[in-house]
Amino acid sequence: MFLLAGLSVLPWGGLSAKDSAISDDFVAVEARLLRFETFTPGAANRALQLAQTNPVSACDSHAQHTLLLLEIPLLDAALRAGAVKEFDQRMAAMEERTRLTLSCAPRDSFAWLVAFGLALGHGHLDDSAFALLAQSYQTGPNEAWIAVRRTILASPVITRAPDGVKAEILDEFGTLVRRGFVDVVAKAYVSAPSQAQALLKSRIDQLDSRAQTSFAKAVESLRRS
């Protein structure tokens, strides 16, 4: 149930409540979120409320990505706090936003990834859920900011994935390590079940020695911390 929070990558912090004043500039906010900067819950809520009183177009991908990224940690916080009503409301809001985004931009890879995360939030790990993940791979195979989040979300459930999707998860896992996203990938690896780790390690073993060493050091550091 907590896997969806991986899409936001980092915990709350970094920005103060006054930063909600820039929430109407979705491109700027999106850029900060994609660099893994974060909003406080109060600032995120104010930005979401602003979007409710001043609706943005479903076809404004920057705005929709920003609002989804802002709501994900709030959803996770509601779940951890046992706030069932708030959790259900945020799930419904995100599902509606994802649906509207895809109705306008059916090749929005991030929206497909969020749809997969929401399916996981409902406890669905079947072919229909993994079909959503497959769509994300198909529509955004080379976007690093999506790939990082996709790896965090998909790695822990790789053993349940159909063979085609499993191959995509493994390929992207190895590619991110080669491209230098070692710390984030290592976190995904450490948080995965042992059977999933065995599969993921098999892909690391196919990389060059420098990449293997870098990955091993990152994993060891995480396990010591």
C-alpha atoms as a PDB file:
ATOM      1  CA  MET A   1       0.000   0.000   0.000  1.00  0.00           C
ATOM      2  CA  PHE A   2       2.903   2.377   0.558  1.00  0.00           C
ATOM      3  CA  LEU A   3       4.499   1.756  -2.855  1.00  0.00           C
ATOM      4  CA  LEU A   4       2.730   4.694  -4.490  1.00  0.00           C
ATOM      5  CA  ALA A   5       4.644   7.078  -2.243  1.00  0.00           C
ATOM      6  CA  GLY A   6       7.759   6.092  -4.176  1.00  0.00           C
ATOM      7  CA  LEU A   7       6.598   8.298  -7.031  1.00  0.00           C
ATOM      8  CA  SER A   8       7.389  11.360  -4.937  1.00  0.00           C
ATOM      9  CA  VAL A   9      10.759   9.802  -3.944  1.00  0.00           C
ATOM     10  CA  LEU A  10      11.561  12.056  -0.984  1.00  0.00           C
ATOM     11  CA  PRO A  11       9.762  12.836   2.309  1.00  0.00           C
ATOM     12  CA  TRP A  12       8.252  16.202   3.142  1.00  0.00           C
ATOM     13  CA  GLY A  13      10.508  19.172   3.731  1.00  0.00           C
ATOM     14  CA  GLY A  14      12.568  21.686   1.845  1.00  0.00           C
ATOM     15  CA  LEU A  15       9.961  24.328   1.027  1.00  0.00           C
ATOM     16  CA  SER A  16       8.068  26.590   3.390  1.00  0.00           C
ATOM     17  CA  ALA A  17       4.383  27.447   3.379  1.00  0.00           C
ATOM     18  CA  LYS A  18       5.053  30.727   1.580  1.00  0.00           C
ATOM     19  CA  ASP A  19       6.023  28.725  -1.503  1.00  0.00           C
ATOM     20  CA  SER A  20       2.338  28.044  -2.140  1.00  0.00           C
ATOM     21  CA  ALA A  21       2.304  31.538  -3.612  1.00  0.00           C
ATOM     22  CA  ILE A  22       4.007  30.157  -6.729  1.00  0.00           C
ATOM     23  CA  SER A  23       1.574  27.282  -7.128  1.00  0.00           C
ATOM     24  CA  ASP A  24      -0.108  28.980 -10.093  1.00  0.00           C
ATOM     25  CA  ASP A  25       3.130  28.667 -12.056  1.00  0.00           C
ATOM     26  CA  PHE A  26       2.851  24.941 -12.651  1.00  0.00           C
ATOM     27  CA  VAL A  27       5.795  24.695 -15.001  1.00  0.00           C
ATOM     28  CA  ALA A  28       8.130  26.135 -12.373  1.00  0.00           C
ATOM     29  CA  VAL A  29       6.687  23.975  -9.626  1.00  0.00           C
ATOM     30  CA  GLU A  30       6.852  20.865 -11.788  1.00  0.00           C
ATOM     31  CA  ALA A  31      10.515  21.542 -12.531  1.00  0.00           C
ATOM     32  CA  ARG A  32      11.276  21.731  -8.801  1.00  0.00           C
ATOM     33  CA  LEU A  33       9.357  18.539  -8.082  1.00  0.00           C
ATOM     34  CA  LEU A  34      11.175  16.703 -10.855  1.00  0.00           C
ATOM     35  CA  ARG A  35      14.446  17.664  -9.168  1.00  0.00           C
ATOM     36  CA  PHE A  36      12.984  15.931  -6.084  1.00  0.00           C
ATOM     37  CA  GLU A  37      12.390  19.141  -4.172  1.00  0.00           C
ATOM     38  CA  THR A  38       9.371  18.907  -1.907  1.00  0.00           C
ATOM     39  CA  PHE A  39       6.561  20.995  -0.492  1.00  0.00           C
ATOM     40  CA  THR A  40       5.332  21.054   3.076  1.00  0.00           C
ATOM     41  CA  PRO A  41       1.850  19.522   3.449  1.00  0.00           C
ATOM     42  CA  GLY A  42       0.343  22.966   4.034  1.00  0.00           C
ATOM     43  CA  ALA A  43       1.834  24.398   0.861  1.00  0.00           C
ATOM     44  CA  ALA A  44       0.800  21.345  -1.163  1.00  0.00           C
ATOM     45  CA  ASN A  45      -2.770  21.550   0.134  1.00  0.00           C
ATOM     46  CA  ARG A  46      -2.986  25.230  -0.756  1.00  0.00           C
ATOM     47  CA  ALA A  47      -1.775  24.533  -4.274  1.00  0.00           C
ATOM     48  CA  LEU A  48      -4.361  21.775  -4.677  1.00  0.00           C
ATOM     49  CA  GLN A  49      -7.112  24.032  -3.325  1.00  0.00           C
ATOM     50  CA  LEU A  50      -6.067  26.740  -5.774  1.00  0.00           C
ATOM     51  CA  ALA A  51      -6.461  24.252  -8.617  1.00  0.00           C
ATOM     52  CA  GLN A  52      -9.972  23.456  -7.394  1.00  0.00           C
ATOM     53  CA  THR A  53     -11.078  27.094  -7.348  1.00  0.00           C
ATOM     54  CA  ASN A  54      -9.220  27.885 -10.589  1.00  0.00           C
ATOM     55  CA  PRO A  55      -9.557  24.672 -12.622  1.00  0.00           C
ATOM     56  CA  VAL A  56      -6.725  23.866 -15.003  1.00  0.00           C
ATOM     57  CA  SER A  57      -7.136  22.138 -18.319  1.00  0.00           C
ATOM     58  CA  ALA A  58      -6.876  18.358 -18.407  1.00  0.00           C
ATOM     59  CA  CYS A  59      -4.629  18.931 -21.426  1.00  0.00           C
ATOM     60  CA  ASP A  60      -2.132  21.002 -19.409  1.00  0.00           C
ATOM     61  CA  SER A  61       0.309  18.180 -18.727  1.00  0.00           C
ATOM     62  CA  HIS A  62       2.637  20.345 -16.628  1.00  0.00           C
ATOM     63  CA  ALA A  63      -0.209  21.291 -14.307  1.00  0.00           C
ATOM     64  CA  GLN A  64      -1.582  17.769 -14.070  1.00  0.00           C
ATOM     65  CA  HIS A  65       1.847  16.265 -13.338  1.00  0.00           C
ATOM     66  CA  THR A  66       2.447  18.903 -10.675  1.00  0.00           C
ATOM     67  CA  LEU A  67      -0.880  18.279  -8.961  1.00  0.00           C
ATOM     68  CA  LEU A  68      -0.380  14.511  -8.984  1.00  0.00           C
ATOM     69  CA  LEU A  69       3.121  14.844  -7.545  1.00  0.00           C
ATOM     70  CA  LEU A  70       1.819  17.165  -4.832  1.00  0.00           C
ATOM     71  CA  GLU A  71      -1.017  14.843  -3.847  1.00  0.00           C
ATOM     72  CA  ILE A  72       0.936  11.570  -3.679  1.00  0.00           C
ATOM     73  CA  PRO A  73       2.694  12.309  -0.343  1.00  0.00           C
ATOM     74  CA  LEU A  74      -0.595  13.586   1.107  1.00  0.00           C
ATOM     75  CA  LEU A  75      -2.208  10.300   0.136  1.00  0.00           C
ATOM     76  CA  ASP A  76       0.615   8.375   1.772  1.00  0.00           C
ATOM     77  CA  ALA A  77       0.401  10.504   4.914  1.00  0.00           C
ATOM     78  CA  ALA A  78      -3.347   9.848   5.197  1.00  0.00           C
ATOM     79  CA  LEU A  79      -2.745   6.104   4.890  1.00  0.00           C
ATOM     80  CA  ARG A  80      -0.005   6.093   7.511  1.00  0.00           C
ATOM     81  CA  ALA A  81      -2.193   8.114   9.875  1.00  0.00           C
ATOM     82  CA  GLY A  82      -5.125   5.750   9.413  1.00  0.00           C
ATOM     83  CA  ALA A  83      -7.277   8.600   8.049  1.00  0.00           C
ATOM     84  CA  VAL A  84      -9.484   6.325   5.965  1.00  0.00           C
ATOM     85  CA  LYS A  85     -11.915   8.977   4.750  1.00  0.00           C
ATOM     86  CA  GLU A  86      -9.149  11.331   3.627  1.00  0.00           C
ATOM     87  CA  PHE A  87      -7.279   8.456   1.995  1.00  0.00           C
ATOM     88  CA  ASP A  88     -10.363   7.411   0.013  1.00  0.00           C
ATOM     89  CA  GLN A  89     -11.030  11.001  -1.046  1.00  0.00           C
ATOM     90  CA  ARG A  90      -7.471  11.513  -2.243  1.00  0.00           C
ATOM     91  CA  MET A  91      -7.477   8.184  -4.093  1.00  0.00           C
ATOM     92  CA  ALA A  92     -10.697   9.172  -5.849  1.00  0.00           C
ATOM     93  CA  ALA A  93      -9.326  12.622  -6.716  1.00  0.00           C
ATOM     94  CA  MET A  94      -6.119  11.167  -8.142  1.00  0.00           C
ATOM     95  CA  GLU A  95      -7.991   8.527 -10.114  1.00  0.00           C
ATOM     96  CA  GLU A  96     -10.202  11.211 -11.652  1.00  0.00           C
ATOM     97  CA  ARG A  97      -7.222  13.446 -12.447  1.00  0.00           C
ATOM     98  CA  THR A  98      -5.358  10.522 -14.008  1.00  0.00           C
ATOM     99  CA  ARG A  99      -8.389   9.555 -16.074  1.00  0.00           C
ATOM    100  CA  LEU A 100      -8.867  13.103 -17.352  1.00  0.00           C
ATOM    101  CA  THR A 101      -5.177  13.457 -18.160  1.00  0.00           C
ATOM    102  CA  LEU A 102      -5.163  10.247 -20.182  1.00  0.00           C
ATOM    103  CA  SER A 103      -8.377  11.214 -21.982  1.00  0.00           C
ATOM    104  CA  CYS A 104      -6.521  14.228 -23.350  1.00  0.00           C
ATOM    105  CA  ALA A 105      -3.016  12.746 -23.571  1.00  0.00           C
ATOM    106  CA  PRO A 106      -3.253   8.959 -24.009  1.00  0.00           C
ATOM    107  CA  ARG A 107       0.519   8.745 -24.377  1.00  0.00           C
ATOM    108  CA  ASP A 108       1.267  10.412 -21.026  1.00  0.00           C
ATOM    109  CA  SER A 109       3.727   7.934 -19.534  1.00  0.00           C
ATOM    110  CA  PHE A 110       3.633   9.439 -16.058  1.00  0.00           C
ATOM    111  CA  ALA A 111      -0.169   9.273 -15.917  1.00  0.00           C
ATOM    112  CA  TRP A 112      -0.024   5.570 -16.839  1.00  0.00           C
ATOM    113  CA  LEU A 113       2.523   5.062 -14.067  1.00  0.00           C
ATOM    114  CA  VAL A 114       0.288   6.823 -11.543  1.00  0.00           C
ATOM    115  CA  ALA A 115      -2.610   4.647 -12.703  1.00  0.00           C
ATOM    116  CA  PHE A 116      -0.465   1.582 -11.960  1.00  0.00           C
ATOM    117  CA  GLY A 117       0.438   2.970  -8.545  1.00  0.00           C
ATOM    118  CA  LEU A 118      -3.230   3.574  -7.764  1.00  0.00           C
ATOM    119  CA  ALA A 119      -4.005  -0.013  -8.751  1.00  0.00           C
ATOM    120  CA  LEU A 120      -1.341  -1.136  -6.274  1.00  0.00           C
ATOM    121  CA  GLY A 121      -2.952   1.125  -3.695  1.00  0.00           C
ATOM    122  CA  HIS A 122      -6.131  -0.892  -4.140  1.00  0.00           C
ATOM    123  CA  GLY A 123      -4.160  -4.114  -3.699  1.00  0.00           C
ATOM    124  CA  HIS A 124      -4.415  -5.121  -7.359  1.00  0.00           C
ATOM    125  CA  LEU A 125      -1.445  -7.079  -8.693  1.00  0.00           C
ATOM    126  CA  ASP A 126      -2.999  -8.745 -11.699  1.00  0.00           C
ATOM    127  CA  ASP A 127      -2.552  -8.595 -15.464  1.00  0.00           C
ATOM    128  CA  SER A 128      -4.789  -5.547 -15.787  1.00  0.00           C
ATOM    129  CA  ALA A 129      -2.636  -3.623 -13.300  1.00  0.00           C
ATOM    130  CA  PHE A 130       0.595  -4.600 -15.036  1.00  0.00           C
ATOM    131  CA  ALA A 131      -0.948  -3.589 -18.360  1.00  0.00           C
ATOM    132  CA  LEU A 132      -0.966  -0.029 -17.000  1.00  0.00           C
ATOM    133  CA  LEU A 133       2.733  -0.312 -16.190  1.00  0.00           C
ATOM    134  CA  ALA A 134       3.395  -1.720 -19.659  1.00  0.00           C
ATOM    135  CA  GLN A 135       1.718   1.353 -21.143  1.00  0.00           C
ATOM    136  CA  SER A 136       4.045   3.577 -19.140  1.00  0.00           C
ATOM    137  CA  TYR A 137       7.083   1.762 -20.526  1.00  0.00           C
ATOM    138  CA  GLN A 138       5.719   1.925 -24.056  1.00  0.00           C
ATOM    139  CA  THR A 139       4.915   5.629 -23.987  1.00  0.00           C
ATOM    140  CA  GLY A 140       7.947   6.913 -22.062  1.00  0.00           C
ATOM    141  CA  PRO A 141      10.922   4.575 -22.401  1.00  0.00           C
ATOM    142  CA  ASN A 142      13.635   7.248 -22.311  1.00  0.00           C
ATOM    143  CA  GLU A 143      12.437   9.841 -19.796  1.00  0.00           C
ATOM    144  CA  ALA A 144      14.764   9.618 -16.814  1.00  0.00           C
ATOM    145  CA  TRP A 145      12.487  11.401 -14.322  1.00  0.00           C
ATOM    146  CA  ILE A 146       9.780   8.832 -15.053  1.00  0.00           C
ATOM    147  CA  ALA A 147      12.192   5.894 -15.218  1.00  0.00           C
ATOM    148  CA  VAL A 148      13.517   6.603 -11.720  1.00  0.00           C
ATOM    149  CA  ARG A 149      10.026   6.657 -10.255  1.00  0.00           C
ATOM    150  CA  ARG A 150       8.958   3.650 -12.310  1.00  0.00           C
ATOM    151  CA  THR A 151      11.865   1.605 -10.977  1.00  0.00           C
ATOM    152  CA  ILE A 152      11.012   2.509  -7.379  1.00  0.00           C
ATOM    153  CA  LEU A 153       7.416   1.454  -7.927  1.00  0.00           C
ATOM    154  CA  ALA A 154       7.993  -1.644 -10.062  1.00  0.00           C
ATOM    155  CA  SER A 155      11.067  -3.266  -8.527  1.00  0.00           C
ATOM    156  CA  PRO A 156       9.394  -4.567  -5.337  1.00  0.00           C
ATOM    157  CA  VAL A 157       6.665  -6.328  -7.349  1.00  0.00           C
ATOM    158  CA  ILE A 158       8.801  -7.663 -10.196  1.00  0.00           C
ATOM    159  CA  THR A 159       8.245 -11.311  -9.267  1.00  0.00           C
ATOM    160  CA  ARG A 160       4.502 -10.861  -9.861  1.00  0.00           C
ATOM    161  CA  ALA A 161       4.917  -9.226 -13.263  1.00  0.00           C
ATOM    162  CA  PRO A 162       4.230 -10.997 -16.579  1.00  0.00           C
ATOM    163  CA  ASP A 163       7.391 -11.950 -18.461  1.00  0.00           C
ATOM    164  CA  GLY A 164       7.274  -9.019 -20.888  1.00  0.00           C
ATOM    165  CA  VAL A 165       6.881  -6.437 -18.147  1.00  0.00           C
ATOM    166  CA  LYS A 166       9.458  -8.227 -16.008  1.00  0.00           C
ATOM    167  CA  ALA A 167      11.984  -7.822 -18.823  1.00  0.00           C
ATOM    168  CA  GLU A 168      11.175  -4.097 -19.027  1.00  0.00           C
ATOM    169  CA  ILE A 169      11.723  -3.671 -15.280  1.00  0.00           C
ATOM    170  CA  LEU A 170      15.077  -5.449 -15.437  1.00  0.00           C
ATOM    171  CA  ASP A 171      16.248  -3.516 -18.494  1.00  0.00           C
ATOM    172  CA  GLU A 172      15.372  -0.165 -16.985  1.00  0.00           C
ATOM    173  CA  PHE A 173      16.935  -1.118 -13.650  1.00  0.00           C
ATOM    174  CA  GLY A 174      20.249  -1.862 -15.351  1.00  0.00           C
ATOM    175  CA  THR A 175      20.044   1.190 -17.605  1.00  0.00           C
ATOM    176  CA  LEU A 176      19.568   3.541 -14.659  1.00  0.00           C
ATOM    177  CA  VAL A 177      22.630   2.121 -12.933  1.00  0.00           C
ATOM    178  CA  ARG A 178      24.681   2.596 -16.111  1.00  0.00           C
ATOM    179  CA  ARG A 179      23.432   6.166 -16.406  1.00  0.00           C
ATOM    180  CA  GLY A 180      24.512   7.017 -12.868  1.00  0.00           C
ATOM    181  CA  PHE A 181      21.240   6.906 -10.935  1.00  0.00           C
ATOM    182  CA  VAL A 182      22.834   4.484  -8.518  1.00  0.00           C
ATOM    183  CA  ASP A 183      21.614   5.839  -5.188  1.00  0.00           C
ATOM    184  CA  VAL A 184      17.922   5.824  -6.119  1.00  0.00           C
ATOM    185  CA  VAL A 185      18.167   2.404  -7.759  1.00  0.00           C
ATOM    186  CA  ALA A 186      19.967   1.017  -4.724  1.00  0.00           C
ATOM    187  CA  LYS A 187      17.127   2.241  -2.490  1.00  0.00           C
ATOM    188  CA  ALA A 188      14.623   0.432  -4.725  1.00  0.00           C
ATOM    189  CA  TYR A 189      16.735  -2.708  -4.504  1.00  0.00           C
ATOM    190  CA  VAL A 190      17.135  -2.638  -0.719  1.00  0.00           C
ATOM    191  CA  SER A 191      13.401  -2.120  -0.187  1.00  0.00           C
ATOM    192  CA  ALA A 192      12.469  -5.040  -2.459  1.00  0.00           C
ATOM    193  CA  PRO A 193      11.728  -8.570  -1.167  1.00  0.00           C
ATOM    194  CA  SER A 194      14.576 -11.095  -1.330  1.00  0.00           C
ATOM    195  CA  GLN A 195      13.187 -12.889  -4.391  1.00  0.00           C
ATOM    196  CA  ALA A 196      12.909  -9.587  -6.228  1.00  0.00           C
ATOM    197  CA  GLN A 197      16.444  -8.677  -5.170  1.00  0.00           C
ATOM    198  CA  ALA A 198      17.754 -11.898  -6.690  1.00  0.00           C
ATOM    199  CA  LEU A 199      16.198 -11.010 -10.050  1.00  0.00           C
ATOM    200  CA  LEU A 200      17.444  -7.444  -9.953  1.00  0.00           C
ATOM    201  CA  LYS A 201      20.945  -8.536  -8.956  1.00  0.00           C
ATOM    202  CA  SER A 202      21.039 -10.841 -11.976  1.00  0.00           C
ATOM    203  CA  ARG A 203      20.778  -7.754 -14.179  1.00  0.00           C
ATOM    204  CA  ILE A 204      23.451  -5.889 -12.229  1.00  0.00           C
ATOM    205  CA  ASP A 205      25.766  -8.866 -12.748  1.00  0.00           C
ATOM    206  CA  GLN A 206      25.537  -8.241 -16.502  1.00  0.00           C
ATOM    207  CA  LEU A 207      26.928  -4.702 -16.213  1.00  0.00           C
ATOM    208  CA  ASP A 208      30.566  -3.659 -16.388  1.00  0.00           C
ATOM    209  CA  SER A 209      32.723  -3.902 -13.291  1.00  0.00           C
ATOM    210  CA  ARG A 210      32.617  -0.163 -12.589  1.00  0.00           C
ATOM    211  CA  ALA A 211      28.804  -0.122 -12.548  1.00  0.00           C
ATOM    212  CA  GLN A 212      28.704  -3.256 -10.385  1.00  0.00           C
ATOM    213  CA  THR A 213      31.128  -1.761  -7.883  1.00  0.00           C
ATOM    214  CA  SER A 214      29.239   1.528  -7.723  1.00  0.00           C
ATOM    215  CA  PHE A 215      25.961  -0.292  -7.125  1.00  0.00           C
ATOM    216  CA  ALA A 216      27.457  -2.576  -4.468  1.00  0.00           C
ATOM    217  CA  LYS A 217      28.875   0.410  -2.561  1.00  0.00           C
ATOM    218  CA  ALA A 218      25.521   2.206  -2.634  1.00  0.00           C
ATOM    219  CA  VAL A 219      23.713  -0.882  -1.340  1.00  0.00           C
ATOM    220  CA  GLU A 220      26.282  -1.461   1.403  1.00  0.00           C
ATOM    221  CA  SER A 221      26.012   2.177   2.507  1.00  0.00           C
ATOM    222  CA  LEU A 222      22.223   1.921   2.739  1.00  0.00           C
ATOM    223  CA  ARG A 223      22.370  -1.277   4.747  1.00  0.00           C
ATOM    224  CA  ARG A 224      24.807   0.255   7.194  1.00  0.00           C
ATOM    225  CA  SER A 225      22.724   3.369   7.735  1.00  0.00           C
END
